[in-house]
Amino acid sequence: MRTEPTAKEISHPTSAKVTTQLKDIRKTLPLRVLSEDDWQHWITKGYVIVKDAVPPEQAARTAAMLWAFDEKDPNNPATWYAPQRRAHVRAELNNAGMIEIYNHQLLWDNRQTPRVYDAFVDIWDRTDLWVAIDRANLNPPRKDKSGNPDGFIHWDVDTKARPLPIGVQGVLSLLPQTAETGGFQCVPYLFEHFEDWVKTQPEDRNPLLPDMTGLARENISMAPGDLLIFNSLLAHGVRPNFSENQVRMAQYISMYPADEDNADEVAERIRLWQERDHPQRPDFPGDPRGWEKAHCEPAELSELGERLLGVKRW
């Protein structure tokens, strides 16, 4: 019988190499991509948007590939609602548009784009980073417009852990993300005032799902090629797509300090890339068709890509 994963099991990559919360970092490296205003927004609100992180035409190529991977026709809405191929252990992710693709060349092209890397260098204030091997999302309009328009808000790290986890997550927009299409939403107030808010909560609170009583959500709009980076302590979610005929599509991209002396982890990361496999974690069910193995060779990596994967050391 399948059981619910623990907060630790579903947590996005965090770093034990960093002990200072990201909002408290005192910069030692000059900003490469972010402006000073961007930096202040990042450390106070918990997120920042990097405009044109990848060229729009590169985002368009990725979107076209994801349509083909998911066996859906962008010009035929009747194809957009095929049942998901494998259930998720977290019920809230079922039918949320997750696309179980991880190692396609175009995904790696986006990951190893210098502007994307430089943005994460700004965030972490260090250059020795690995990129998370993550998936994508294709979220068509809801057929039933009468449901909850808000969606669910959650964390992907254990917010009861002490010290608090230190990590970031990222979303690269591949199609326009607007108020109608849904997409990323977050609760900046909860990030700014987390410690005060926790004092008002019961001891047995859910470390992944905040009580949203009295809290306001902020909806984020993005253009194709824009990258949103957010602190893993920012409560967030995907709001439903209530548009008539528009699809929300994104690739998840995040980076974190490389753990180069962990030989097992290095070997597993290289294996995932070589074998076009999915991370062996409860939150990533993988593609039962084995599409990537059948259709793709291992992605060609630039020198930056080799270091972001772990083939080469920093």
C-alpha atoms as a PDB file:
ATOM      1  CA  MET A   1       0.000   0.000   0.000  1.00  0.00           C
ATOM      2  CA  ARG A   2       1.378   3.389  -0.989  1.00  0.00           C
ATOM      3  CA  THR A   3       1.780   5.866   1.860  1.00  0.00           C
ATOM      4  CA  GLU A   4       2.042   9.626   1.791  1.00  0.00           C
ATOM      5  CA  PRO A   5       5.670  10.789   1.446  1.00  0.00           C
ATOM      6  CA  THR A   6       7.257  12.665   4.290  1.00  0.00           C
ATOM      7  CA  ALA A   7       8.209  16.311   4.018  1.00  0.00           C
ATOM      8  CA  LYS A   8      11.858  15.263   3.847  1.00  0.00           C
ATOM      9  CA  GLU A   9      11.203  12.840   0.975  1.00  0.00           C
ATOM     10  CA  ILE A  10       9.495  15.410  -1.235  1.00  0.00           C
ATOM     11  CA  SER A  11      11.759  18.328  -0.342  1.00  0.00           C
ATOM     12  CA  HIS A  12      13.435  20.092  -3.226  1.00  0.00           C
ATOM     13  CA  PRO A  13      17.235  20.156  -3.118  1.00  0.00           C
ATOM     14  CA  THR A  14      18.585  22.157  -0.207  1.00  0.00           C
ATOM     15  CA  SER A  15      22.151  22.800   0.844  1.00  0.00           C
ATOM     16  CA  ALA A  16      24.004  21.871   4.014  1.00  0.00           C
ATOM     17  CA  LYS A  17      26.995  23.817   2.646  1.00  0.00           C
ATOM     18  CA  VAL A  18      25.197  27.098   3.329  1.00  0.00           C
ATOM     19  CA  THR A  19      24.226  28.052   6.862  1.00  0.00           C
ATOM     20  CA  THR A  20      22.995  31.610   6.281  1.00  0.00           C
ATOM     21  CA  GLN A  21      19.413  31.995   5.132  1.00  0.00           C
ATOM     22  CA  LEU A  22      19.399  33.412   1.603  1.00  0.00           C
ATOM     23  CA  LYS A  23      17.500  36.519   2.637  1.00  0.00           C
ATOM     24  CA  ASP A  24      20.310  37.308   5.101  1.00  0.00           C
ATOM     25  CA  ILE A  25      23.266  36.909   2.705  1.00  0.00           C
ATOM     26  CA  ARG A  26      25.717  39.800   2.585  1.00  0.00           C
ATOM     27  CA  LYS A  27      26.858  39.929  -1.027  1.00  0.00           C
ATOM     28  CA  THR A  28      30.530  39.312  -1.828  1.00  0.00           C
ATOM     29  CA  LEU A  29      30.166  38.856  -5.604  1.00  0.00           C
ATOM     30  CA  PRO A  30      28.936  41.635  -7.907  1.00  0.00           C
ATOM     31  CA  LEU A  31      25.448  41.182  -9.302  1.00  0.00           C
ATOM     32  CA  ARG A  32      25.540  39.671 -12.806  1.00  0.00           C
ATOM     33  CA  VAL A  33      21.855  39.698 -13.793  1.00  0.00           C
ATOM     34  CA  LEU A  34      19.764  41.090 -10.948  1.00  0.00           C
ATOM     35  CA  SER A  35      19.514  44.821 -10.313  1.00  0.00           C
ATOM     36  CA  GLU A  36      19.769  46.266  -6.811  1.00  0.00           C
ATOM     37  CA  ASP A  37      15.977  46.638  -6.788  1.00  0.00           C
ATOM     38  CA  ASP A  38      15.655  42.985  -7.862  1.00  0.00           C
ATOM     39  CA  TRP A  39      17.926  41.949  -5.003  1.00  0.00           C
ATOM     40  CA  GLN A  40      15.935  43.892  -2.424  1.00  0.00           C
ATOM     41  CA  HIS A  41      12.702  42.377  -3.721  1.00  0.00           C
ATOM     42  CA  TRP A  42      14.263  38.913  -3.540  1.00  0.00           C
ATOM     43  CA  ILE A  43      15.372  39.173   0.081  1.00  0.00           C
ATOM     44  CA  THR A  44      12.123  40.735   1.310  1.00  0.00           C
ATOM     45  CA  LYS A  45       9.385  39.134  -0.818  1.00  0.00           C
ATOM     46  CA  GLY A  46      11.075  35.785  -1.480  1.00  0.00           C
ATOM     47  CA  TYR A  47      10.969  35.811  -5.277  1.00  0.00           C
ATOM     48  CA  VAL A  48      12.341  37.632  -8.310  1.00  0.00           C
ATOM     49  CA  ILE A  49      11.540  37.567 -12.055  1.00  0.00           C
ATOM     50  CA  VAL A  50      14.456  37.473 -14.510  1.00  0.00           C
ATOM     51  CA  LYS A  51      13.203  38.878 -17.809  1.00  0.00           C
ATOM     52  CA  ASP A  52      14.369  37.137 -21.001  1.00  0.00           C
ATOM     53  CA  ALA A  53      16.366  34.525 -19.094  1.00  0.00           C
ATOM     54  CA  VAL A  54      16.282  32.501 -22.312  1.00  0.00           C
ATOM     55  CA  PRO A  55      15.452  33.897 -25.768  1.00  0.00           C
ATOM     56  CA  PRO A  56      11.722  33.689 -26.612  1.00  0.00           C
ATOM     57  CA  GLU A  57      12.456  31.546 -29.675  1.00  0.00           C
ATOM     58  CA  GLN A  58      14.269  29.044 -27.449  1.00  0.00           C
ATOM     59  CA  ALA A  59      11.242  28.944 -25.153  1.00  0.00           C
ATOM     60  CA  ALA A  60       9.012  28.370 -28.210  1.00  0.00           C
ATOM     61  CA  ARG A  61      11.115  25.387 -29.332  1.00  0.00           C
ATOM     62  CA  THR A  62      10.838  23.879 -25.867  1.00  0.00           C
ATOM     63  CA  ALA A  63       7.074  24.357 -25.880  1.00  0.00           C
ATOM     64  CA  ALA A  64       6.751  22.625 -29.265  1.00  0.00           C
ATOM     65  CA  MET A  65       8.788  19.691 -27.976  1.00  0.00           C
ATOM     66  CA  LEU A  66       6.601  19.345 -24.884  1.00  0.00           C
ATOM     67  CA  TRP A  67       3.449  19.231 -27.006  1.00  0.00           C
ATOM     68  CA  ALA A  68       4.979  16.358 -28.992  1.00  0.00           C
ATOM     69  CA  PHE A  69       6.213  14.557 -25.873  1.00  0.00           C
ATOM     70  CA  ASP A  70       2.784  14.728 -24.271  1.00  0.00           C
ATOM     71  CA  GLU A  71       1.076  13.589 -27.495  1.00  0.00           C
ATOM     72  CA  LYS A  72      -1.112  16.684 -27.611  1.00  0.00           C
ATOM     73  CA  ASP A  73      -1.898  19.009 -30.518  1.00  0.00           C
ATOM     74  CA  PRO A  74      -1.676  22.727 -29.671  1.00  0.00           C
ATOM     75  CA  ASN A  75      -4.306  23.418 -32.345  1.00  0.00           C
ATOM     76  CA  ASN A  76      -6.774  20.755 -31.171  1.00  0.00           C
ATOM     77  CA  PRO A  77      -8.101  21.335 -27.629  1.00  0.00           C
ATOM     78  CA  ALA A  78      -9.787  17.932 -27.719  1.00  0.00           C
ATOM     79  CA  THR A  79      -6.315  16.392 -27.249  1.00  0.00           C
ATOM     80  CA  TRP A  80      -5.435  18.479 -24.192  1.00  0.00           C
ATOM     81  CA  TYR A  81      -7.323  16.399 -21.639  1.00  0.00           C
ATOM     82  CA  ALA A  82      -5.840  12.926 -21.925  1.00  0.00           C
ATOM     83  CA  PRO A  83      -5.630  11.131 -18.550  1.00  0.00           C
ATOM     84  CA  GLN A  84      -2.300  11.379 -16.765  1.00  0.00           C
ATOM     85  CA  ARG A  85      -0.179   8.308 -17.350  1.00  0.00           C
ATOM     86  CA  ARG A  86       0.863   7.574 -13.779  1.00  0.00           C
ATOM     87  CA  ALA A  87      -0.551   8.724 -10.444  1.00  0.00           C
ATOM     88  CA  HIS A  88       1.361  11.005  -8.082  1.00  0.00           C
ATOM     89  CA  VAL A  89       1.904  10.120  -4.438  1.00  0.00           C
ATOM     90  CA  ARG A  90       0.797  13.645  -3.516  1.00  0.00           C
ATOM     91  CA  ALA A  91      -2.873  13.789  -4.406  1.00  0.00           C
ATOM     92  CA  GLU A  92      -2.782  17.540  -5.040  1.00  0.00           C
ATOM     93  CA  LEU A  93      -0.405  16.975  -7.971  1.00  0.00           C
ATOM     94  CA  ASN A  94      -2.754  14.601  -9.766  1.00  0.00           C
ATOM     95  CA  ASN A  95      -4.107  16.207 -12.943  1.00  0.00           C
ATOM     96  CA  ALA A  96      -2.040  19.325 -12.245  1.00  0.00           C
ATOM     97  CA  GLY A  97      -0.327  19.123 -15.636  1.00  0.00           C
ATOM     98  CA  MET A  98       3.035  17.683 -14.586  1.00  0.00           C
ATOM     99  CA  ILE A  99       5.023  16.419 -17.603  1.00  0.00           C
ATOM    100  CA  GLU A 100       7.406  13.604 -16.762  1.00  0.00           C
ATOM    101  CA  ILE A 101      10.322  14.622 -18.970  1.00  0.00           C
ATOM    102  CA  TYR A 102      13.724  15.363 -17.476  1.00  0.00           C
ATOM    103  CA  ASN A 103      16.707  15.096 -19.825  1.00  0.00           C
ATOM    104  CA  HIS A 104      15.734  16.259 -23.313  1.00  0.00           C
ATOM    105  CA  GLN A 105      18.298  18.368 -25.154  1.00  0.00           C
ATOM    106  CA  LEU A 106      16.050  21.429 -25.110  1.00  0.00           C
ATOM    107  CA  LEU A 107      15.588  21.190 -21.336  1.00  0.00           C
ATOM    108  CA  TRP A 108      19.358  21.084 -20.951  1.00  0.00           C
ATOM    109  CA  ASP A 109      19.787  23.974 -23.416  1.00  0.00           C
ATOM    110  CA  ASN A 110      17.670  26.107 -21.098  1.00  0.00           C
ATOM    111  CA  ARG A 111      19.495  24.914 -17.979  1.00  0.00           C
ATOM    112  CA  GLN A 112      22.920  25.712 -19.430  1.00  0.00           C
ATOM    113  CA  THR A 113      21.975  29.149 -20.756  1.00  0.00           C
ATOM    114  CA  PRO A 114      24.538  31.510 -19.174  1.00  0.00           C
ATOM    115  CA  ARG A 115      21.948  34.121 -18.166  1.00  0.00           C
ATOM    116  CA  VAL A 116      19.996  31.457 -16.234  1.00  0.00           C
ATOM    117  CA  TYR A 117      23.144  30.304 -14.439  1.00  0.00           C
ATOM    118  CA  ASP A 118      24.261  33.868 -13.700  1.00  0.00           C
ATOM    119  CA  ALA A 119      20.902  34.640 -12.086  1.00  0.00           C
ATOM    120  CA  PHE A 120      21.374  31.747  -9.666  1.00  0.00           C
ATOM    121  CA  VAL A 121      24.957  32.867  -8.991  1.00  0.00           C
ATOM    122  CA  ASP A 122      23.454  36.184  -7.889  1.00  0.00           C
ATOM    123  CA  ILE A 123      20.983  34.393  -5.618  1.00  0.00           C
ATOM    124  CA  TRP A 124      23.498  32.066  -3.957  1.00  0.00           C
ATOM    125  CA  ASP A 125      26.481  34.482  -4.071  1.00  0.00           C
ATOM    126  CA  ARG A 126      28.678  31.610  -5.268  1.00  0.00           C
ATOM    127  CA  THR A 127      29.597  30.032  -8.592  1.00  0.00           C
ATOM    128  CA  ASP A 128      29.889  26.288  -7.767  1.00  0.00           C
ATOM    129  CA  LEU A 129      26.317  25.258  -8.546  1.00  0.00           C
ATOM    130  CA  TRP A 130      24.462  22.170  -9.723  1.00  0.00           C
ATOM    131  CA  VAL A 131      21.174  22.305 -11.585  1.00  0.00           C
ATOM    132  CA  ALA A 132      18.256  20.233 -10.327  1.00  0.00           C
ATOM    133  CA  ILE A 133      17.087  17.558 -12.777  1.00  0.00           C
ATOM    134  CA  ASP A 134      13.418  18.485 -12.885  1.00  0.00           C
ATOM    135  CA  ARG A 135      10.410  18.316 -15.204  1.00  0.00           C
ATOM    136  CA  ALA A 136       7.884  20.587 -16.928  1.00  0.00           C
ATOM    137  CA  ASN A 137       4.209  21.515 -16.742  1.00  0.00           C
ATOM    138  CA  LEU A 138       1.388  21.781 -19.296  1.00  0.00           C
ATOM    139  CA  ASN A 139      -1.778  23.155 -17.749  1.00  0.00           C
ATOM    140  CA  PRO A 140      -4.801  23.431 -20.098  1.00  0.00           C
ATOM    141  CA  PRO A 141      -7.969  25.391 -19.285  1.00  0.00           C
ATOM    142  CA  ARG A 142     -10.287  23.785 -16.799  1.00  0.00           C
ATOM    143  CA  LYS A 143     -13.398  22.331 -18.368  1.00  0.00           C
ATOM    144  CA  ASP A 144     -15.383  22.961 -15.210  1.00  0.00           C
ATOM    145  CA  LYS A 145     -15.172  26.649 -14.405  1.00  0.00           C
ATOM    146  CA  SER A 146     -17.236  26.304 -11.230  1.00  0.00           C
ATOM    147  CA  GLY A 147     -14.464  24.909  -9.036  1.00  0.00           C
ATOM    148  CA  ASN A 148     -12.162  26.639  -6.557  1.00  0.00           C
ATOM    149  CA  PRO A 149     -10.422  29.466  -8.468  1.00  0.00           C
ATOM    150  CA  ASP A 150      -7.551  29.700  -5.991  1.00  0.00           C
ATOM    151  CA  GLY A 151      -5.794  26.339  -6.127  1.00  0.00           C
ATOM    152  CA  PHE A 152      -3.674  25.091  -3.234  1.00  0.00           C
ATOM    153  CA  ILE A 153      -0.773  26.816  -1.479  1.00  0.00           C
ATOM    154  CA  HIS A 154       2.110  24.714  -0.186  1.00  0.00           C
ATOM    155  CA  TRP A 155       5.805  24.452   0.569  1.00  0.00           C
ATOM    156  CA  ASP A 156       8.132  21.867  -0.978  1.00  0.00           C
ATOM    157  CA  VAL A 157      10.410  21.778   2.060  1.00  0.00           C
ATOM    158  CA  ASP A 158       9.830  20.844   5.698  1.00  0.00           C
ATOM    159  CA  THR A 159       9.040  24.138   7.433  1.00  0.00           C
ATOM    160  CA  LYS A 160       9.183  22.465  10.846  1.00  0.00           C
ATOM    161  CA  ALA A 161      12.843  21.556  10.411  1.00  0.00           C
ATOM    162  CA  ARG A 162      15.300  23.534  12.505  1.00  0.00           C
ATOM    163  CA  PRO A 163      17.391  25.091  11.268  1.00  0.00           C
ATOM    164  CA  LEU A 164      15.039  25.939   8.436  1.00  0.00           C
ATOM    165  CA  PRO A 165      15.997  24.450   5.031  1.00  0.00           C
ATOM    166  CA  ILE A 166      17.919  26.654   2.625  1.00  0.00           C
ATOM    167  CA  GLY A 167      16.997  26.268  -1.029  1.00  0.00           C
ATOM    168  CA  VAL A 168      15.551  27.884  -4.133  1.00  0.00           C
ATOM    169  CA  GLN A 169      13.192  26.839  -6.885  1.00  0.00           C
ATOM    170  CA  GLY A 170      12.548  28.248 -10.334  1.00  0.00           C
ATOM    171  CA  VAL A 171       9.950  28.319 -13.097  1.00  0.00           C
ATOM    172  CA  LEU A 172      10.798  29.172 -16.716  1.00  0.00           C
ATOM    173  CA  SER A 173       7.730  30.399 -18.589  1.00  0.00           C
ATOM    174  CA  LEU A 174       7.357  28.872 -22.067  1.00  0.00           C
ATOM    175  CA  LEU A 175       3.975  30.396 -23.004  1.00  0.00           C
ATOM    176  CA  PRO A 176       2.385  33.631 -21.738  1.00  0.00           C
ATOM    177  CA  GLN A 177       1.320  33.319 -18.108  1.00  0.00           C
ATOM    178  CA  THR A 178      -1.522  35.719 -17.329  1.00  0.00           C
ATOM    179  CA  ALA A 179      -4.327  36.198 -14.834  1.00  0.00           C
ATOM    180  CA  GLU A 180      -6.543  34.054 -17.075  1.00  0.00           C
ATOM    181  CA  THR A 181      -4.171  31.165 -17.702  1.00  0.00           C
ATOM    182  CA  GLY A 182      -3.314  30.732 -14.045  1.00  0.00           C
ATOM    183  CA  GLY A 183       0.187  29.774 -13.061  1.00  0.00           C
ATOM    184  CA  PHE A 184       2.453  30.727 -10.200  1.00  0.00           C
ATOM    185  CA  GLN A 185       0.945  32.303  -7.109  1.00  0.00           C
ATOM    186  CA  CYS A 186       2.583  32.961  -3.756  1.00  0.00           C
ATOM    187  CA  VAL A 187       2.169  34.509  -0.305  1.00  0.00           C
ATOM    188  CA  PRO A 188       4.950  37.105   0.186  1.00  0.00           C
ATOM    189  CA  TYR A 189       3.526  38.191   3.558  1.00  0.00           C
ATOM    190  CA  LEU A 190       4.081  34.703   4.926  1.00  0.00           C
ATOM    191  CA  PHE A 191       7.702  34.785   3.758  1.00  0.00           C
ATOM    192  CA  GLU A 192       8.350  38.193   5.305  1.00  0.00           C
ATOM    193  CA  HIS A 193       6.673  37.357   8.617  1.00  0.00           C
ATOM    194  CA  PHE A 194       7.177  33.598   8.839  1.00  0.00           C
ATOM    195  CA  GLU A 195       8.554  33.441  12.387  1.00  0.00           C
ATOM    196  CA  ASP A 196       5.763  35.645  13.774  1.00  0.00           C
ATOM    197  CA  TRP A 197       3.148  33.625  11.875  1.00  0.00           C
ATOM    198  CA  VAL A 198       4.484  30.306  13.201  1.00  0.00           C
ATOM    199  CA  LYS A 199       3.935  31.513  16.768  1.00  0.00           C
ATOM    200  CA  THR A 200       0.203  31.762  16.012  1.00  0.00           C
ATOM    201  CA  GLN A 201      -0.016  28.189  14.703  1.00  0.00           C
ATOM    202  CA  PRO A 202      -0.641  24.931  16.599  1.00  0.00           C
ATOM    203  CA  GLU A 203       2.247  22.575  17.343  1.00  0.00           C
ATOM    204  CA  ASP A 204       0.798  19.922  15.034  1.00  0.00           C
ATOM    205  CA  ARG A 205       0.499  22.234  12.020  1.00  0.00           C
ATOM    206  CA  ASN A 206       1.125  20.715   8.588  1.00  0.00           C
ATOM    207  CA  PRO A 207       4.749  21.594   7.608  1.00  0.00           C
ATOM    208  CA  LEU A 208       3.833  21.534   3.894  1.00  0.00           C
ATOM    209  CA  LEU A 209       0.403  23.215   3.832  1.00  0.00           C
ATOM    210  CA  PRO A 210      -0.110  26.569   5.601  1.00  0.00           C
ATOM    211  CA  ASP A 211      -3.402  27.643   7.084  1.00  0.00           C
ATOM    212  CA  MET A 212      -4.345  30.426   4.676  1.00  0.00           C
ATOM    213  CA  THR A 213      -6.789  32.157   7.031  1.00  0.00           C
ATOM    214  CA  GLY A 214      -6.332  35.909   6.651  1.00  0.00           C
ATOM    215  CA  LEU A 215      -3.481  35.560   4.134  1.00  0.00           C
ATOM    216  CA  ALA A 216      -3.535  37.104   0.645  1.00  0.00           C
ATOM    217  CA  ARG A 217      -2.148  35.471  -2.513  1.00  0.00           C
ATOM    218  CA  GLU A 218      -0.173  37.255  -5.200  1.00  0.00           C
ATOM    219  CA  ASN A 219      -0.611  36.120  -8.812  1.00  0.00           C
ATOM    220  CA  ILE A 220       2.408  36.413 -11.109  1.00  0.00           C
ATOM    221  CA  SER A 221       2.320  37.195 -14.851  1.00  0.00           C
ATOM    222  CA  MET A 222       5.259  36.171 -17.068  1.00  0.00           C
ATOM    223  CA  ALA A 223       6.255  36.272 -20.728  1.00  0.00           C
ATOM    224  CA  PRO A 224       7.860  33.352 -22.611  1.00  0.00           C
ATOM    225  CA  GLY A 225      11.521  33.149 -21.627  1.00  0.00           C
ATOM    226  CA  ASP A 226      11.039  34.806 -18.223  1.00  0.00           C
ATOM    227  CA  LEU A 227      12.446  32.927 -15.227  1.00  0.00           C
ATOM    228  CA  LEU A 228      10.890  33.216 -11.784  1.00  0.00           C
ATOM    229  CA  ILE A 229      13.216  32.231  -8.932  1.00  0.00           C
ATOM    230  CA  PHE A 230      11.713  31.806  -5.487  1.00  0.00           C
ATOM    231  CA  ASN A 231      12.959  30.930  -2.033  1.00  0.00           C
ATOM    232  CA  SER A 232      11.821  27.463  -0.953  1.00  0.00           C
ATOM    233  CA  LEU A 233      10.420  29.068   2.212  1.00  0.00           C
ATOM    234  CA  LEU A 234       7.964  31.075   0.083  1.00  0.00           C
ATOM    235  CA  ALA A 235       4.547  29.414   0.246  1.00  0.00           C
ATOM    236  CA  HIS A 236       3.348  29.032  -3.338  1.00  0.00           C
ATOM    237  CA  GLY A 237       1.147  27.102  -5.718  1.00  0.00           C
ATOM    238  CA  VAL A 238      -0.336  26.883  -9.200  1.00  0.00           C
ATOM    239  CA  ARG A 239      -3.678  28.569  -9.608  1.00  0.00           C
ATOM    240  CA  PRO A 240      -6.165  26.930 -11.995  1.00  0.00           C
ATOM    241  CA  ASN A 241      -6.352  27.872 -15.651  1.00  0.00           C
ATOM    242  CA  PHE A 242      -9.775  29.460 -16.156  1.00  0.00           C
ATOM    243  CA  SER A 243      -9.104  30.793 -19.659  1.00  0.00           C
ATOM    244  CA  GLU A 244     -11.156  29.672 -22.640  1.00  0.00           C
ATOM    245  CA  ASN A 245      -8.450  28.376 -24.965  1.00  0.00           C
ATOM    246  CA  GLN A 246      -4.990  29.197 -23.569  1.00  0.00           C
ATOM    247  CA  VAL A 247      -2.469  26.764 -22.108  1.00  0.00           C
ATOM    248  CA  ARG A 248       0.027  27.543 -19.382  1.00  0.00           C
ATOM    249  CA  MET A 249       3.391  25.824 -19.970  1.00  0.00           C
ATOM    250  CA  ALA A 250       6.606  25.993 -17.972  1.00  0.00           C
ATOM    251  CA  GLN A 251       9.883  24.228 -17.214  1.00  0.00           C
ATOM    252  CA  TYR A 252      11.079  23.899 -13.637  1.00  0.00           C
ATOM    253  CA  ILE A 253      14.703  25.052 -13.252  1.00  0.00           C
ATOM    254  CA  SER A 254      16.590  25.534 -10.001  1.00  0.00           C
ATOM    255  CA  MET A 255      20.213  25.428  -8.871  1.00  0.00           C
ATOM    256  CA  TYR A 256      21.972  24.807  -5.576  1.00  0.00           C
ATOM    257  CA  PRO A 257      25.560  24.468  -4.291  1.00  0.00           C
ATOM    258  CA  ALA A 258      27.320  21.479  -5.819  1.00  0.00           C
ATOM    259  CA  ASP A 259      28.062  18.509  -3.553  1.00  0.00           C
ATOM    260  CA  GLU A 260      31.078  17.369  -5.545  1.00  0.00           C
ATOM    261  CA  ASP A 261      32.592  15.161  -2.850  1.00  0.00           C
ATOM    262  CA  ASN A 262      29.443  13.017  -2.664  1.00  0.00           C
ATOM    263  CA  ALA A 263      30.524  10.336  -5.131  1.00  0.00           C
ATOM    264  CA  ASP A 264      27.189   8.500  -5.000  1.00  0.00           C
ATOM    265  CA  GLU A 265      25.212  11.622  -5.812  1.00  0.00           C
ATOM    266  CA  VAL A 266      27.567  12.582  -8.631  1.00  0.00           C
ATOM    267  CA  ALA A 267      27.247   9.096 -10.125  1.00  0.00           C
ATOM    268  CA  GLU A 268      23.451   9.132  -9.861  1.00  0.00           C
ATOM    269  CA  ARG A 269      23.168  12.539 -11.535  1.00  0.00           C
ATOM    270  CA  ILE A 270      25.353  11.375 -14.411  1.00  0.00           C
ATOM    271  CA  ARG A 271      23.320   8.161 -14.699  1.00  0.00           C
ATOM    272  CA  LEU A 272      20.037  10.086 -14.937  1.00  0.00           C
ATOM    273  CA  TRP A 273      21.496  12.137 -17.784  1.00  0.00           C
ATOM    274  CA  GLN A 274      23.052   9.199 -19.634  1.00  0.00           C
ATOM    275  CA  GLU A 275      20.037   6.897 -19.267  1.00  0.00           C
ATOM    276  CA  ARG A 276      17.411   9.644 -19.683  1.00  0.00           C
ATOM    277  CA  ASP A 277      15.826   8.552 -16.419  1.00  0.00           C
ATOM    278  CA  HIS A 278      13.751  10.361 -13.815  1.00  0.00           C
ATOM    279  CA  PRO A 279      14.922  11.124 -10.240  1.00  0.00           C
ATOM    280  CA  GLN A 280      14.244   8.177  -7.955  1.00  0.00           C
ATOM    281  CA  ARG A 281      12.135  10.091  -5.465  1.00  0.00           C
ATOM    282  CA  PRO A 282       8.472   9.677  -4.463  1.00  0.00           C
ATOM    283  CA  ASP A 283       7.438  12.966  -6.064  1.00  0.00           C
ATOM    284  CA  PHE A 284       8.671  12.007  -9.537  1.00  0.00           C
ATOM    285  CA  PRO A 285       6.661   9.049 -10.913  1.00  0.00           C
ATOM    286  CA  GLY A 286       8.360   9.090 -14.315  1.00  0.00           C
ATOM    287  CA  ASP A 287       7.004   8.340 -17.784  1.00  0.00           C
ATOM    288  CA  PRO A 288       5.749   4.745 -18.162  1.00  0.00           C
ATOM    289  CA  ARG A 289       6.264   4.928 -21.959  1.00  0.00           C
ATOM    290  CA  GLY A 290      10.014   5.495 -21.668  1.00  0.00           C
ATOM    291  CA  TRP A 291       9.695   8.191 -24.359  1.00  0.00           C
ATOM    292  CA  GLU A 292      13.043   9.842 -23.654  1.00  0.00           C
ATOM    293  CA  LYS A 293      14.935   6.554 -23.791  1.00  0.00           C
ATOM    294  CA  ALA A 294      13.256   5.707 -27.115  1.00  0.00           C
ATOM    295  CA  HIS A 295      13.521   9.110 -28.801  1.00  0.00           C
ATOM    296  CA  CYS A 296      16.562  10.881 -27.362  1.00  0.00           C
ATOM    297  CA  GLU A 297      20.295  10.488 -27.082  1.00  0.00           C
ATOM    298  CA  PRO A 298      21.968  11.918 -23.980  1.00  0.00           C
ATOM    299  CA  ALA A 299      21.873  15.702 -24.230  1.00  0.00           C
ATOM    300  CA  GLU A 300      24.994  17.455 -25.463  1.00  0.00           C
ATOM    301  CA  LEU A 301      26.391  19.583 -22.681  1.00  0.00           C
ATOM    302  CA  SER A 302      28.408  22.752 -22.921  1.00  0.00           C
ATOM    303  CA  GLU A 303      31.324  23.172 -20.538  1.00  0.00           C
ATOM    304  CA  LEU A 304      28.944  25.053 -18.250  1.00  0.00           C
ATOM    305  CA  GLY A 305      26.418  22.226 -18.562  1.00  0.00           C
ATOM    306  CA  GLU A 306      29.039  19.641 -17.623  1.00  0.00           C
ATOM    307  CA  ARG A 307      29.778  21.527 -14.429  1.00  0.00           C
ATOM    308  CA  LEU A 308      26.074  22.074 -13.680  1.00  0.00           C
ATOM    309  CA  LEU A 309      25.512  18.321 -13.964  1.00  0.00           C
ATOM    310  CA  GLY A 310      28.668  17.195 -12.177  1.00  0.00           C
ATOM    311  CA  VAL A 311      30.624  15.616 -15.048  1.00  0.00           C
ATOM    312  CA  LYS A 312      33.316  18.225 -14.388  1.00  0.00           C
ATOM    313  CA  ARG A 313      34.219  19.762 -11.058  1.00  0.00           C
ATOM    314  CA  TRP A 314      34.098  23.460 -10.443  1.00  0.00           C
END
